[in-house]
């Protein structure tokens, strides 16, 4: 459904990704693991077209989309929830959600289904983004991305800084979105969510893929993987 094939990416003259090949197939949940600075967020930004491919190519649903910009990729079915959430602070929850559908075709996900996914958002529909807790902002950011009716949803550290009960709600929402046919790419430092719901795992280190395999294979080889790097 989505892949990077032997991709290099740069920040200015600095090489940030080197020959990175990752993929998520239809119906999968794929996790990118690794320590801070390993290249996980850069990989998502490159998938989304926020960062250009210096070499290699980006493929979405069988089509070479290396040259497309982020807004074009969004309209083709790619959605990205950044680590800092980026909700509109002066708009209400309802207005944040309404914006998601402006440039996207309708599909399974509607505002009503977004409220079913995160009932707390219905309670806070008239509240401005700036007044939401961190957990509520994360819910809103995910709901807004889902309302674009994506083929692939990418999430950067969705559990970061959240209380355990909110982490559970976010994890359950990710599983439900995936159950409705959306492929998921999940960046996490904590292993609990990827090990619980992931199908495959990539471990990144210094802008390269250091290890890849199924979640079961990661569990079996975890000690050896962690000898090479701090996950």
C-alpha atoms as a PDB file:
ATOM      1  CA  UNK A   1       0.000   0.000   0.000  1.00  0.00           C
ATOM      2  CA  UNK A   2       2.862   2.384   0.858  1.00  0.00           C
ATOM      3  CA  UNK A   3       6.602   1.950   0.497  1.00  0.00           C
ATOM      4  CA  UNK A   4       9.914   3.730   0.392  1.00  0.00           C
ATOM      5  CA  UNK A   5      12.375   1.972  -1.896  1.00  0.00           C
ATOM      6  CA  UNK A   6      16.093   2.572  -1.275  1.00  0.00           C
ATOM      7  CA  UNK A   7      15.397   6.166  -0.269  1.00  0.00           C
ATOM      8  CA  UNK A   8      17.913   8.799   0.764  1.00  0.00           C
ATOM      9  CA  UNK A   9      16.676  12.038   2.339  1.00  0.00           C
ATOM     10  CA  UNK A  10      18.524  15.150   3.444  1.00  0.00           C
ATOM     11  CA  UNK A  11      18.060  18.054   5.810  1.00  0.00           C
ATOM     12  CA  UNK A  12      20.031  20.635   3.884  1.00  0.00           C
ATOM     13  CA  UNK A  13      23.365  18.964   3.159  1.00  0.00           C
ATOM     14  CA  UNK A  14      23.035  16.498   6.048  1.00  0.00           C
ATOM     15  CA  UNK A  15      22.093  12.940   5.097  1.00  0.00           C
ATOM     16  CA  UNK A  16      19.123  11.966   7.279  1.00  0.00           C
ATOM     17  CA  UNK A  17      18.030   8.679   5.655  1.00  0.00           C
ATOM     18  CA  UNK A  18      20.311   6.328   3.753  1.00  0.00           C
ATOM     19  CA  UNK A  19      18.953   3.583   1.482  1.00  0.00           C
ATOM     20  CA  UNK A  20      15.839   3.150   3.587  1.00  0.00           C
ATOM     21  CA  UNK A  21      13.340   0.584   2.345  1.00  0.00           C
ATOM     22  CA  UNK A  22      10.135   0.150   4.335  1.00  0.00           C
ATOM     23  CA  UNK A  23       6.617  -0.878   3.401  1.00  0.00           C
ATOM     24  CA  UNK A  24       3.158  -1.325   4.843  1.00  0.00           C
ATOM     25  CA  UNK A  25       0.769  -3.680   3.071  1.00  0.00           C
ATOM     26  CA  UNK A  26      -2.997  -3.406   2.931  1.00  0.00           C
ATOM     27  CA  UNK A  27      -4.539  -4.218   6.312  1.00  0.00           C
ATOM     28  CA  UNK A  28      -1.242  -4.132   8.210  1.00  0.00           C
ATOM     29  CA  UNK A  29      -0.056  -2.308  11.287  1.00  0.00           C
ATOM     30  CA  UNK A  30       3.676  -1.686  10.910  1.00  0.00           C
ATOM     31  CA  UNK A  31       5.799  -0.125  13.662  1.00  0.00           C
ATOM     32  CA  UNK A  32       9.010   1.875  13.348  1.00  0.00           C
ATOM     33  CA  UNK A  33      11.127   1.554  16.487  1.00  0.00           C
ATOM     34  CA  UNK A  34      14.417   3.074  17.547  1.00  0.00           C
ATOM     35  CA  UNK A  35      15.981   5.582  19.896  1.00  0.00           C
ATOM     36  CA  UNK A  36      15.700   9.358  19.539  1.00  0.00           C
ATOM     37  CA  UNK A  37      17.390  10.555  16.366  1.00  0.00           C
ATOM     38  CA  UNK A  38      17.266   7.141  14.697  1.00  0.00           C
ATOM     39  CA  UNK A  39      15.272   8.433  11.719  1.00  0.00           C
ATOM     40  CA  UNK A  40      11.732   7.370  12.562  1.00  0.00           C
ATOM     41  CA  UNK A  41      10.064  10.773  12.248  1.00  0.00           C
ATOM     42  CA  UNK A  42      12.169  11.581   9.198  1.00  0.00           C
ATOM     43  CA  UNK A  43      10.892   8.398   7.575  1.00  0.00           C
ATOM     44  CA  UNK A  44       7.278   9.463   8.171  1.00  0.00           C
ATOM     45  CA  UNK A  45       7.984  12.967   6.869  1.00  0.00           C
ATOM     46  CA  UNK A  46       9.541  11.469   3.757  1.00  0.00           C
ATOM     47  CA  UNK A  47       6.575   9.140   3.252  1.00  0.00           C
ATOM     48  CA  UNK A  48       4.261  12.160   3.539  1.00  0.00           C
ATOM     49  CA  UNK A  49       6.204  14.300   1.087  1.00  0.00           C
ATOM     50  CA  UNK A  50       7.106  16.876   3.725  1.00  0.00           C
ATOM     51  CA  UNK A  51      10.727  15.871   3.052  1.00  0.00           C
ATOM     52  CA  UNK A  52      11.824  15.076  -0.497  1.00  0.00           C
ATOM     53  CA  UNK A  53      13.469  11.847  -1.594  1.00  0.00           C
ATOM     54  CA  UNK A  54      17.065  12.590  -2.634  1.00  0.00           C
ATOM     55  CA  UNK A  55      17.351   9.098  -4.091  1.00  0.00           C
ATOM     56  CA  UNK A  56      15.060   6.112  -4.437  1.00  0.00           C
ATOM     57  CA  UNK A  57      11.300   6.355  -4.781  1.00  0.00           C
ATOM     58  CA  UNK A  58       8.035   6.615  -2.882  1.00  0.00           C
ATOM     59  CA  UNK A  59       5.158   4.314  -3.933  1.00  0.00           C
ATOM     60  CA  UNK A  60       1.516   4.638  -2.847  1.00  0.00           C
ATOM     61  CA  UNK A  61      -1.071   2.037  -3.834  1.00  0.00           C
ATOM     62  CA  UNK A  62       1.116   0.778  -6.666  1.00  0.00           C
ATOM     63  CA  UNK A  63       1.836   4.217  -8.141  1.00  0.00           C
ATOM     64  CA  UNK A  64       5.191   6.029  -8.128  1.00  0.00           C
ATOM     65  CA  UNK A  65       4.437   9.226  -6.212  1.00  0.00           C
ATOM     66  CA  UNK A  66       8.015  10.351  -5.566  1.00  0.00           C
ATOM     67  CA  UNK A  67       7.442  13.746  -7.170  1.00  0.00           C
ATOM     68  CA  UNK A  68       4.152  14.550  -5.433  1.00  0.00           C
ATOM     69  CA  UNK A  69       3.771  17.120  -2.673  1.00  0.00           C
ATOM     70  CA  UNK A  70       2.190  16.441   0.723  1.00  0.00           C
ATOM     71  CA  UNK A  71      -1.229  17.878  -0.163  1.00  0.00           C
ATOM     72  CA  UNK A  72      -1.340  15.729  -3.303  1.00  0.00           C
ATOM     73  CA  UNK A  73      -0.448  12.614  -1.318  1.00  0.00           C
ATOM     74  CA  UNK A  74      -3.148  13.477   1.204  1.00  0.00           C
ATOM     75  CA  UNK A  75      -5.759  13.566  -1.538  1.00  0.00           C
ATOM     76  CA  UNK A  76      -4.516  10.181  -2.767  1.00  0.00           C
ATOM     77  CA  UNK A  77      -5.101   8.589   0.619  1.00  0.00           C
ATOM     78  CA  UNK A  78      -2.150   9.279   2.902  1.00  0.00           C
ATOM     79  CA  UNK A  79      -2.719  10.795   6.358  1.00  0.00           C
ATOM     80  CA  UNK A  80      -0.159  11.885   8.947  1.00  0.00           C
ATOM     81  CA  UNK A  81      -0.562  12.621  12.657  1.00  0.00           C
ATOM     82  CA  UNK A  82       2.616  14.453  13.748  1.00  0.00           C
ATOM     83  CA  UNK A  83       4.098  14.169  17.203  1.00  0.00           C
ATOM     84  CA  UNK A  84       3.092  17.738  18.095  1.00  0.00           C
ATOM     85  CA  UNK A  85      -0.537  17.086  16.987  1.00  0.00           C
ATOM     86  CA  UNK A  86      -1.007  20.513  15.333  1.00  0.00           C
ATOM     87  CA  UNK A  87      -4.668  21.035  16.134  1.00  0.00           C
ATOM     88  CA  UNK A  88      -6.015  24.502  15.301  1.00  0.00           C
ATOM     89  CA  UNK A  89      -5.958  26.213  18.721  1.00  0.00           C
ATOM     90  CA  UNK A  90      -8.573  28.883  18.005  1.00  0.00           C
ATOM     91  CA  UNK A  91     -11.081  26.535  16.377  1.00  0.00           C
ATOM     92  CA  UNK A  92     -13.482  24.302  18.258  1.00  0.00           C
ATOM     93  CA  UNK A  93     -13.298  20.535  18.168  1.00  0.00           C
ATOM     94  CA  UNK A  94     -16.240  20.497  15.756  1.00  0.00           C
ATOM     95  CA  UNK A  95     -14.546  23.048  13.487  1.00  0.00           C
ATOM     96  CA  UNK A  96     -11.245  21.131  13.524  1.00  0.00           C
ATOM     97  CA  UNK A  97     -13.125  18.035  12.405  1.00  0.00           C
ATOM     98  CA  UNK A  98     -15.139  19.879   9.740  1.00  0.00           C
ATOM     99  CA  UNK A  99     -11.960  21.142   8.083  1.00  0.00           C
ATOM    100  CA  UNK A 100     -10.742  17.575   7.493  1.00  0.00           C
ATOM    101  CA  UNK A 101     -13.438  16.879   4.934  1.00  0.00           C
ATOM    102  CA  UNK A 102     -13.026  20.043   2.857  1.00  0.00           C
ATOM    103  CA  UNK A 103     -10.574  18.703   0.290  1.00  0.00           C
ATOM    104  CA  UNK A 104     -11.275  14.988   0.588  1.00  0.00           C
ATOM    105  CA  UNK A 105     -13.869  12.641  -0.826  1.00  0.00           C
ATOM    106  CA  UNK A 106     -16.470  11.218   1.558  1.00  0.00           C
ATOM    107  CA  UNK A 107     -16.108   7.638   2.720  1.00  0.00           C
ATOM    108  CA  UNK A 108     -16.701   5.349   5.676  1.00  0.00           C
ATOM    109  CA  UNK A 109     -15.404   7.836   8.230  1.00  0.00           C
ATOM    110  CA  UNK A 110     -17.763  10.674   9.112  1.00  0.00           C
ATOM    111  CA  UNK A 111     -17.857  13.162  11.992  1.00  0.00           C
ATOM    112  CA  UNK A 112     -20.403  10.953  13.735  1.00  0.00           C
ATOM    113  CA  UNK A 113     -18.122   7.929  13.432  1.00  0.00           C
ATOM    114  CA  UNK A 114     -15.209  10.036  14.682  1.00  0.00           C
ATOM    115  CA  UNK A 115     -17.263  10.855  17.770  1.00  0.00           C
ATOM    116  CA  UNK A 116     -18.013   7.152  18.199  1.00  0.00           C
ATOM    117  CA  UNK A 117     -14.281   6.436  17.965  1.00  0.00           C
ATOM    118  CA  UNK A 118     -13.525   9.062  20.627  1.00  0.00           C
ATOM    119  CA  UNK A 119     -16.692   9.828  22.672  1.00  0.00           C
ATOM    120  CA  UNK A 120     -14.778  12.425  24.675  1.00  0.00           C
ATOM    121  CA  UNK A 121     -14.607  14.624  21.566  1.00  0.00           C
ATOM    122  CA  UNK A 122     -18.391  14.765  21.386  1.00  0.00           C
ATOM    123  CA  UNK A 123     -18.452  16.088  24.947  1.00  0.00           C
ATOM    124  CA  UNK A 124     -15.861  18.709  24.006  1.00  0.00           C
ATOM    125  CA  UNK A 125     -17.267  19.592  20.559  1.00  0.00           C
ATOM    126  CA  UNK A 126     -17.738  23.276  21.414  1.00  0.00           C
ATOM    127  CA  UNK A 127     -14.350  23.651  23.140  1.00  0.00           C
ATOM    128  CA  UNK A 128     -11.434  25.328  21.402  1.00  0.00           C
ATOM    129  CA  UNK A 129      -8.316  23.338  20.611  1.00  0.00           C
ATOM    130  CA  UNK A 130      -6.192  25.397  22.987  1.00  0.00           C
ATOM    131  CA  UNK A 131      -8.374  24.356  25.944  1.00  0.00           C
ATOM    132  CA  UNK A 132      -8.009  20.609  25.380  1.00  0.00           C
ATOM    133  CA  UNK A 133      -5.785  18.348  27.440  1.00  0.00           C
ATOM    134  CA  UNK A 134      -2.882  16.596  25.747  1.00  0.00           C
ATOM    135  CA  UNK A 135      -4.890  13.400  25.485  1.00  0.00           C
ATOM    136  CA  UNK A 136      -7.878  15.199  23.999  1.00  0.00           C
ATOM    137  CA  UNK A 137      -5.633  16.929  21.477  1.00  0.00           C
ATOM    138  CA  UNK A 138      -4.212  13.552  20.460  1.00  0.00           C
ATOM    139  CA  UNK A 139      -7.707  12.159  20.005  1.00  0.00           C
ATOM    140  CA  UNK A 140      -8.660  15.187  17.903  1.00  0.00           C
ATOM    141  CA  UNK A 141      -5.566  14.937  15.755  1.00  0.00           C
ATOM    142  CA  UNK A 142      -6.200  11.254  15.049  1.00  0.00           C
ATOM    143  CA  UNK A 143      -9.918  11.817  14.403  1.00  0.00           C
ATOM    144  CA  UNK A 144      -9.161  14.671  12.015  1.00  0.00           C
ATOM    145  CA  UNK A 145      -6.717  12.490  10.057  1.00  0.00           C
ATOM    146  CA  UNK A 146      -9.191   9.610   9.914  1.00  0.00           C
ATOM    147  CA  UNK A 147     -11.864  11.935   8.505  1.00  0.00           C
ATOM    148  CA  UNK A 148      -9.800  12.291   5.321  1.00  0.00           C
ATOM    149  CA  UNK A 149     -10.729   8.613   4.756  1.00  0.00           C
ATOM    150  CA  UNK A 150      -7.123   7.545   4.190  1.00  0.00           C
ATOM    151  CA  UNK A 151      -5.748   4.317   2.779  1.00  0.00           C
ATOM    152  CA  UNK A 152      -2.719   4.674   5.082  1.00  0.00           C
ATOM    153  CA  UNK A 153      -2.587   6.439   8.453  1.00  0.00           C
ATOM    154  CA  UNK A 154       0.826   7.340   9.890  1.00  0.00           C
ATOM    155  CA  UNK A 155       1.113   8.199  13.581  1.00  0.00           C
ATOM    156  CA  UNK A 156       4.190   9.679  15.253  1.00  0.00           C
ATOM    157  CA  UNK A 157       4.480   8.794  18.950  1.00  0.00           C
ATOM    158  CA  UNK A 158       0.710   8.728  19.617  1.00  0.00           C
ATOM    159  CA  UNK A 159       1.166   7.577  23.219  1.00  0.00           C
ATOM    160  CA  UNK A 160       3.825  10.148  24.155  1.00  0.00           C
ATOM    161  CA  UNK A 161       3.005  11.952  27.401  1.00  0.00           C
ATOM    162  CA  UNK A 162      -0.441  10.424  27.806  1.00  0.00           C
ATOM    163  CA  UNK A 163      -1.963   8.876  30.921  1.00  0.00           C
ATOM    164  CA  UNK A 164      -2.293   5.067  30.826  1.00  0.00           C
ATOM    165  CA  UNK A 165      -6.082   5.141  30.386  1.00  0.00           C
ATOM    166  CA  UNK A 166      -5.769   7.537  27.444  1.00  0.00           C
ATOM    167  CA  UNK A 167      -3.026   5.364  25.948  1.00  0.00           C
ATOM    168  CA  UNK A 168      -5.448   2.447  26.091  1.00  0.00           C
ATOM    169  CA  UNK A 169      -8.154   4.472  24.346  1.00  0.00           C
ATOM    170  CA  UNK A 170      -5.738   5.572  21.619  1.00  0.00           C
ATOM    171  CA  UNK A 171      -4.497   2.010  21.112  1.00  0.00           C
ATOM    172  CA  UNK A 172      -8.058   0.711  20.827  1.00  0.00           C
ATOM    173  CA  UNK A 173      -8.894   3.459  18.329  1.00  0.00           C
ATOM    174  CA  UNK A 174      -5.893   2.522  16.174  1.00  0.00           C
ATOM    175  CA  UNK A 175      -7.054  -1.093  16.150  1.00  0.00           C
ATOM    176  CA  UNK A 176     -10.585  -0.028  15.140  1.00  0.00           C
ATOM    177  CA  UNK A 177      -9.325   2.196  12.315  1.00  0.00           C
ATOM    178  CA  UNK A 178      -7.195  -0.682  11.069  1.00  0.00           C
ATOM    179  CA  UNK A 179     -10.162  -3.030  11.316  1.00  0.00           C
ATOM    180  CA  UNK A 180     -11.995  -0.763   8.912  1.00  0.00           C
ATOM    181  CA  UNK A 181      -9.327  -1.369   6.274  1.00  0.00           C
ATOM    182  CA  UNK A 182      -6.820   1.422   6.908  1.00  0.00           C
ATOM    183  CA  UNK A 183      -3.152   0.420   6.915  1.00  0.00           C
ATOM    184  CA  UNK A 184      -1.219   1.894   9.859  1.00  0.00           C
ATOM    185  CA  UNK A 185       2.383   3.042  10.220  1.00  0.00           C
ATOM    186  CA  UNK A 186       3.177   3.620  13.876  1.00  0.00           C
ATOM    187  CA  UNK A 187       6.276   5.312  15.269  1.00  0.00           C
ATOM    188  CA  UNK A 188       6.888   4.487  18.926  1.00  0.00           C
ATOM    189  CA  UNK A 189       9.726   4.372  21.404  1.00  0.00           C
ATOM    190  CA  UNK A 190       7.688   2.424  23.924  1.00  0.00           C
ATOM    191  CA  UNK A 191       7.258  -1.204  22.945  1.00  0.00           C
ATOM    192  CA  UNK A 192       3.918  -1.982  24.601  1.00  0.00           C
ATOM    193  CA  UNK A 193       1.646  -0.816  21.769  1.00  0.00           C
ATOM    194  CA  UNK A 194       3.684  -2.212  18.833  1.00  0.00           C
ATOM    195  CA  UNK A 195       4.080  -5.568  20.546  1.00  0.00           C
ATOM    196  CA  UNK A 196       0.354  -5.685  21.337  1.00  0.00           C
ATOM    197  CA  UNK A 197      -1.072  -4.691  17.951  1.00  0.00           C
ATOM    198  CA  UNK A 198       1.708  -4.605  15.345  1.00  0.00           C
ATOM    199  CA  UNK A 199       2.075  -7.113  12.524  1.00  0.00           C
ATOM    200  CA  UNK A 200       5.620  -6.185  11.470  1.00  0.00           C
ATOM    201  CA  UNK A 201       8.433  -4.073  12.883  1.00  0.00           C
ATOM    202  CA  UNK A 202      11.325  -2.029  11.500  1.00  0.00           C
ATOM    203  CA  UNK A 203      14.108  -1.018  13.876  1.00  0.00           C
ATOM    204  CA  UNK A 204      15.949   2.111  12.763  1.00  0.00           C
ATOM    205  CA  UNK A 205      19.384   3.336  13.729  1.00  0.00           C
ATOM    206  CA  UNK A 206      21.299   6.363  12.394  1.00  0.00           C
ATOM    207  CA  UNK A 207      18.946   6.853   9.473  1.00  0.00           C
ATOM    208  CA  UNK A 208      19.046   3.264   8.270  1.00  0.00           C
ATOM    209  CA  UNK A 209      16.942   0.146   8.760  1.00  0.00           C
ATOM    210  CA  UNK A 210      18.930  -1.977  11.202  1.00  0.00           C
ATOM    211  CA  UNK A 211      16.433  -4.839  11.509  1.00  0.00           C
ATOM    212  CA  UNK A 212      13.035  -5.822  10.129  1.00  0.00           C
ATOM    213  CA  UNK A 213      10.678  -8.723  10.605  1.00  0.00           C
ATOM    214  CA  UNK A 214       7.396  -9.852  12.097  1.00  0.00           C
ATOM    215  CA  UNK A 215       6.395  -8.899  15.612  1.00  0.00           C
ATOM    216  CA  UNK A 216       6.811 -12.529  16.670  1.00  0.00           C
ATOM    217  CA  UNK A 217      10.337 -12.564  15.218  1.00  0.00           C
ATOM    218  CA  UNK A 218      11.131  -9.373  17.116  1.00  0.00           C
ATOM    219  CA  UNK A 219       9.980 -10.941  20.359  1.00  0.00           C
ATOM    220  CA  UNK A 220      12.173 -13.979  19.704  1.00  0.00           C
ATOM    221  CA  UNK A 221      15.231 -11.911  18.715  1.00  0.00           C
ATOM    222  CA  UNK A 222      14.698  -8.950  21.003  1.00  0.00           C
ATOM    223  CA  UNK A 223      17.730  -9.611  23.210  1.00  0.00           C
ATOM    224  CA  UNK A 224      20.066  -9.707  20.217  1.00  0.00           C
ATOM    225  CA  UNK A 225      18.513  -6.582  18.701  1.00  0.00           C
ATOM    226  CA  UNK A 226      18.926  -4.658  21.937  1.00  0.00           C
ATOM    227  CA  UNK A 227      22.587  -5.698  22.150  1.00  0.00           C
ATOM    228  CA  UNK A 228      23.166  -3.642  18.992  1.00  0.00           C
ATOM    229  CA  UNK A 229      21.205  -0.554  20.009  1.00  0.00           C
ATOM    230  CA  UNK A 230      18.947   0.924  22.678  1.00  0.00           C
ATOM    231  CA  UNK A 231      15.332   0.511  21.471  1.00  0.00           C
END
